[in-house]
Amino acid sequence: MAITAEQLTQVARLTLAAESLGAAVSAVRTTLPGLRVSSVDAMDMKHEEPALNIGERALFLMESDGHCWSVTRDPALAAGIVLTQKM
């Protein structure tokens, strides 16, 4: 499943408007129900480069081989996103 530029724009808008990281995840899940979205502590992603910096939050694109998840920079390979609150 690829993530489109339009979806990334929607995610960015929702994330900027949200009062908290949890609210951002909830808003994205509601607005884009087919998109896998999760949040983790920023420390869990400290060695990774975000695909987008959205205010005080970061967005990471995630790909999956069906079993394991890994970070990707390619939206065409992305099957979901992870949001973090910047440290």
N, C-alpha and C. Protein backbone atom coordinates (compact mmCIF):
# COMPACT_ATOMS: atom_id res chain seq x y z
N MET A 1 0.84 -1.18 0.00
CA MET A 1 0.00 0.00 0.00
C MET A 1 0.89 1.24 0.00
N ALA A 2 0.67 2.12 -0.92
CA ALA A 2 1.41 3.38 -0.98
C ALA A 2 0.65 4.46 -0.21
N ILE A 3 1.39 5.43 0.27
CA ILE A 3 0.78 6.60 0.89
C ILE A 3 0.95 7.76 -0.09
N THR A 4 -0.15 8.41 -0.41
CA THR A 4 -0.13 9.47 -1.41
C THR A 4 0.28 10.81 -0.80
N ALA A 5 0.68 11.72 -1.67
CA ALA A 5 1.00 13.08 -1.24
C ALA A 5 -0.21 13.74 -0.60
N GLU A 6 -1.39 13.47 -1.14
CA GLU A 6 -2.63 14.02 -0.56
C GLU A 6 -2.84 13.51 0.86
N GLN A 7 -2.61 12.23 1.09
CA GLN A 7 -2.75 11.67 2.43
C GLN A 7 -1.74 12.30 3.39
N LEU A 8 -0.51 12.48 2.94
CA LEU A 8 0.51 13.09 3.80
C LEU A 8 0.13 14.53 4.14
N THR A 9 -0.44 15.24 3.18
CA THR A 9 -0.91 16.60 3.45
C THR A 9 -2.01 16.60 4.49
N GLN A 10 -2.96 15.66 4.36
CA GLN A 10 -4.05 15.55 5.35
C GLN A 10 -3.49 15.22 6.73
N VAL A 11 -2.56 14.30 6.79
CA VAL A 11 -1.96 13.92 8.07
C VAL A 11 -1.26 15.13 8.69
N ALA A 12 -0.53 15.88 7.89
CA ALA A 12 0.17 17.05 8.41
C ALA A 12 -0.82 18.08 8.96
N ARG A 13 -1.88 18.34 8.24
CA ARG A 13 -2.89 19.30 8.71
C ARG A 13 -3.53 18.85 10.02
N LEU A 14 -3.91 17.58 10.07
CA LEU A 14 -4.54 17.05 11.27
C LEU A 14 -3.58 17.07 12.46
N THR A 15 -2.34 16.73 12.21
CA THR A 15 -1.33 16.68 13.27
C THR A 15 -1.04 18.08 13.82
N LEU A 16 -0.96 19.06 12.93
CA LEU A 16 -0.74 20.44 13.37
C LEU A 16 -1.90 20.97 14.20
N ALA A 17 -3.11 20.58 13.83
CA ALA A 17 -4.31 21.09 14.50
C ALA A 17 -4.58 20.40 15.84
N ALA A 18 -4.02 19.22 16.04
CA ALA A 18 -4.31 18.44 17.25
C ALA A 18 -3.61 19.01 18.47
N GLU A 19 -4.30 18.97 19.60
CA GLU A 19 -3.76 19.49 20.85
C GLU A 19 -2.73 18.56 21.49
N SER A 20 -2.78 17.28 21.12
CA SER A 20 -1.85 16.31 21.69
C SER A 20 -1.50 15.27 20.64
N LEU A 21 -0.47 14.50 20.91
CA LEU A 21 -0.08 13.43 20.00
C LEU A 21 -1.20 12.40 19.88
N GLY A 22 -1.80 12.04 21.00
CA GLY A 22 -2.91 11.08 20.98
C GLY A 22 -4.08 11.59 20.16
N ALA A 23 -4.37 12.88 20.28
CA ALA A 23 -5.46 13.47 19.50
C ALA A 23 -5.12 13.46 18.01
N ALA A 24 -3.85 13.66 17.68
CA ALA A 24 -3.43 13.61 16.28
C ALA A 24 -3.64 12.21 15.70
N VAL A 25 -3.21 11.20 16.44
CA VAL A 25 -3.39 9.81 15.99
C VAL A 25 -4.87 9.50 15.80
N SER A 26 -5.69 9.90 16.75
CA SER A 26 -7.13 9.66 16.68
C SER A 26 -7.74 10.36 15.46
N ALA A 27 -7.35 11.60 15.23
CA ALA A 27 -7.88 12.36 14.09
C ALA A 27 -7.49 11.72 12.77
N VAL A 28 -6.25 11.26 12.66
CA VAL A 28 -5.81 10.61 11.43
C VAL A 28 -6.56 9.31 11.22
N ARG A 29 -6.72 8.52 12.27
CA ARG A 29 -7.45 7.25 12.15
C ARG A 29 -8.90 7.47 11.72
N THR A 30 -9.52 8.52 12.24
CA THR A 30 -10.91 8.82 11.89
C THR A 30 -11.03 9.31 10.45
N THR A 31 -10.12 10.18 10.05
CA THR A 31 -10.19 10.79 8.72
C THR A 31 -9.70 9.87 7.62
N LEU A 32 -8.71 9.07 7.91
CA LEU A 32 -8.12 8.15 6.93
C LEU A 32 -8.16 6.73 7.48
N PRO A 33 -9.36 6.12 7.54
CA PRO A 33 -9.51 4.83 8.23
C PRO A 33 -8.70 3.68 7.62
N GLY A 34 -8.29 3.77 6.38
CA GLY A 34 -7.51 2.70 5.78
C GLY A 34 -6.02 2.79 6.05
N LEU A 35 -5.60 3.90 6.66
CA LEU A 35 -4.18 4.13 6.92
C LEU A 35 -3.80 3.62 8.30
N ARG A 36 -2.77 2.81 8.37
CA ARG A 36 -2.27 2.34 9.67
C ARG A 36 -1.47 3.46 10.30
N VAL A 37 -1.83 3.82 11.52
CA VAL A 37 -1.15 4.92 12.21
C VAL A 37 -0.95 4.56 13.67
N SER A 38 0.22 4.89 14.16
CA SER A 38 0.56 4.60 15.55
C SER A 38 1.43 5.73 16.07
N SER A 39 1.62 5.74 17.38
CA SER A 39 2.56 6.69 17.98
C SER A 39 3.50 5.92 18.89
N VAL A 40 4.71 6.42 18.98
CA VAL A 40 5.70 5.85 19.89
C VAL A 40 6.46 6.99 20.53
N ASP A 41 7.19 6.68 21.57
CA ASP A 41 8.05 7.66 22.21
C ASP A 41 9.17 8.05 21.24
N ALA A 42 9.52 9.31 21.24
CA ALA A 42 10.57 9.80 20.34
C ALA A 42 11.89 9.05 20.53
N MET A 43 12.16 8.59 21.73
CA MET A 43 13.40 7.83 21.98
C MET A 43 13.45 6.55 21.16
N ASP A 44 12.28 5.97 20.88
CA ASP A 44 12.23 4.75 20.08
C ASP A 44 12.67 4.98 18.64
N MET A 45 12.61 6.23 18.19
CA MET A 45 12.94 6.56 16.80
C MET A 45 14.20 7.43 16.70
N LYS A 46 14.96 7.51 17.78
CA LYS A 46 16.06 8.48 17.85
C LYS A 46 17.14 8.28 16.78
N HIS A 47 17.28 7.10 16.24
CA HIS A 47 18.29 6.85 15.21
C HIS A 47 17.71 6.88 13.80
N GLU A 48 16.46 7.26 13.69
CA GLU A 48 15.78 7.30 12.39
C GLU A 48 15.55 8.74 11.95
N GLU A 49 15.45 8.95 10.67
CA GLU A 49 15.19 10.28 10.10
C GLU A 49 13.70 10.37 9.72
N PRO A 50 12.98 11.35 10.26
CA PRO A 50 11.56 11.46 9.91
C PRO A 50 11.36 11.84 8.45
N ALA A 51 10.26 11.38 7.90
CA ALA A 51 9.88 11.78 6.54
C ALA A 51 9.39 13.22 6.54
N LEU A 52 8.72 13.60 7.63
CA LEU A 52 8.20 14.96 7.79
C LEU A 52 8.37 15.42 9.22
N ASN A 53 8.70 16.68 9.38
CA ASN A 53 8.64 17.33 10.68
C ASN A 53 7.41 18.21 10.65
N ILE A 54 6.52 18.00 11.60
CA ILE A 54 5.24 18.70 11.64
C ILE A 54 5.16 19.43 12.97
N GLY A 55 5.59 20.66 12.98
CA GLY A 55 5.61 21.41 14.23
C GLY A 55 6.49 20.69 15.25
N GLU A 56 5.92 20.39 16.40
CA GLU A 56 6.64 19.70 17.47
C GLU A 56 6.50 18.18 17.38
N ARG A 57 6.07 17.71 16.22
CA ARG A 57 5.89 16.27 16.02
C ARG A 57 6.67 15.82 14.79
N ALA A 58 6.93 14.54 14.72
CA ALA A 58 7.64 13.97 13.58
C ALA A 58 6.83 12.81 13.03
N LEU A 59 6.89 12.64 11.71
CA LEU A 59 6.18 11.57 11.02
C LEU A 59 7.20 10.67 10.36
N PHE A 60 7.06 9.38 10.59
CA PHE A 60 7.92 8.37 9.99
C PHE A 60 7.05 7.47 9.12
N LEU A 61 7.51 7.20 7.91
CA LEU A 61 6.84 6.27 7.02
C LEU A 61 7.33 4.86 7.34
N MET A 62 6.40 3.92 7.39
CA MET A 62 6.74 2.56 7.76
C MET A 62 6.36 1.59 6.64
N GLU A 63 7.24 0.65 6.37
CA GLU A 63 6.95 -0.41 5.41
C GLU A 63 6.96 -1.74 6.15
N SER A 64 6.31 -2.73 5.54
CA SER A 64 6.23 -4.05 6.18
C SER A 64 6.42 -5.14 5.14
N ASP A 65 7.10 -6.19 5.55
CA ASP A 65 7.25 -7.36 4.69
C ASP A 65 6.18 -8.40 5.02
N GLY A 66 5.20 -8.00 5.81
CA GLY A 66 4.15 -8.90 6.25
C GLY A 66 4.37 -9.41 7.65
N HIS A 67 5.58 -9.25 8.15
CA HIS A 67 5.91 -9.70 9.50
C HIS A 67 6.59 -8.58 10.29
N CYS A 68 7.66 -8.04 9.75
CA CYS A 68 8.43 -6.99 10.43
C CYS A 68 8.16 -5.63 9.80
N TRP A 69 8.26 -4.60 10.63
CA TRP A 69 8.11 -3.21 10.18
C TRP A 69 9.46 -2.54 10.17
N SER A 70 9.66 -1.64 9.21
CA SER A 70 10.89 -0.84 9.17
C SER A 70 10.57 0.55 8.61
N VAL A 71 11.44 1.49 8.90
CA VAL A 71 11.27 2.86 8.43
C VAL A 71 11.69 2.93 6.97
N THR A 72 10.93 3.68 6.18
CA THR A 72 11.27 3.94 4.79
C THR A 72 11.14 5.43 4.52
N ARG A 73 11.81 5.92 3.53
CA ARG A 73 11.66 7.31 3.09
C ARG A 73 10.77 7.37 1.85
N ASP A 74 10.37 6.22 1.33
CA ASP A 74 9.63 6.13 0.08
C ASP A 74 8.13 5.94 0.34
N PRO A 75 7.32 6.96 0.06
CA PRO A 75 5.87 6.82 0.27
C PRO A 75 5.25 5.68 -0.54
N ALA A 76 5.86 5.32 -1.67
CA ALA A 76 5.33 4.23 -2.49
C ALA A 76 5.46 2.88 -1.79
N LEU A 77 6.39 2.77 -0.86
CA LEU A 77 6.58 1.52 -0.11
C LEU A 77 5.87 1.52 1.24
N ALA A 78 5.41 2.67 1.66
CA ALA A 78 4.86 2.81 3.01
C ALA A 78 3.51 2.12 3.15
N ALA A 79 3.37 1.41 4.25
CA ALA A 79 2.11 0.75 4.59
C ALA A 79 1.46 1.40 5.81
N GLY A 80 2.14 2.36 6.41
CA GLY A 80 1.60 3.04 7.58
C GLY A 80 2.54 4.14 8.02
N ILE A 81 2.13 4.82 9.11
CA ILE A 81 2.95 5.91 9.65
C ILE A 81 3.06 5.77 11.16
N VAL A 82 4.13 6.35 11.67
CA VAL A 82 4.33 6.49 13.11
C VAL A 82 4.53 7.97 13.38
N LEU A 83 3.84 8.47 14.40
CA LEU A 83 4.00 9.85 14.84
C LEU A 83 4.69 9.86 16.20
N THR A 84 5.56 10.85 16.40
CA THR A 84 6.20 11.05 17.69
C THR A 84 6.10 12.51 18.09
N GLN A 85 6.19 12.74 19.38
CA GLN A 85 6.31 14.10 19.92
C GLN A 85 7.80 14.35 20.05
N LYS A 86 8.31 15.41 19.43
CA LYS A 86 9.75 15.68 19.47
C LYS A 86 10.21 15.93 20.90
N MET A 87 11.44 15.53 21.16
CA MET A 87 12.03 15.71 22.48
C MET A 87 12.49 17.14 22.66
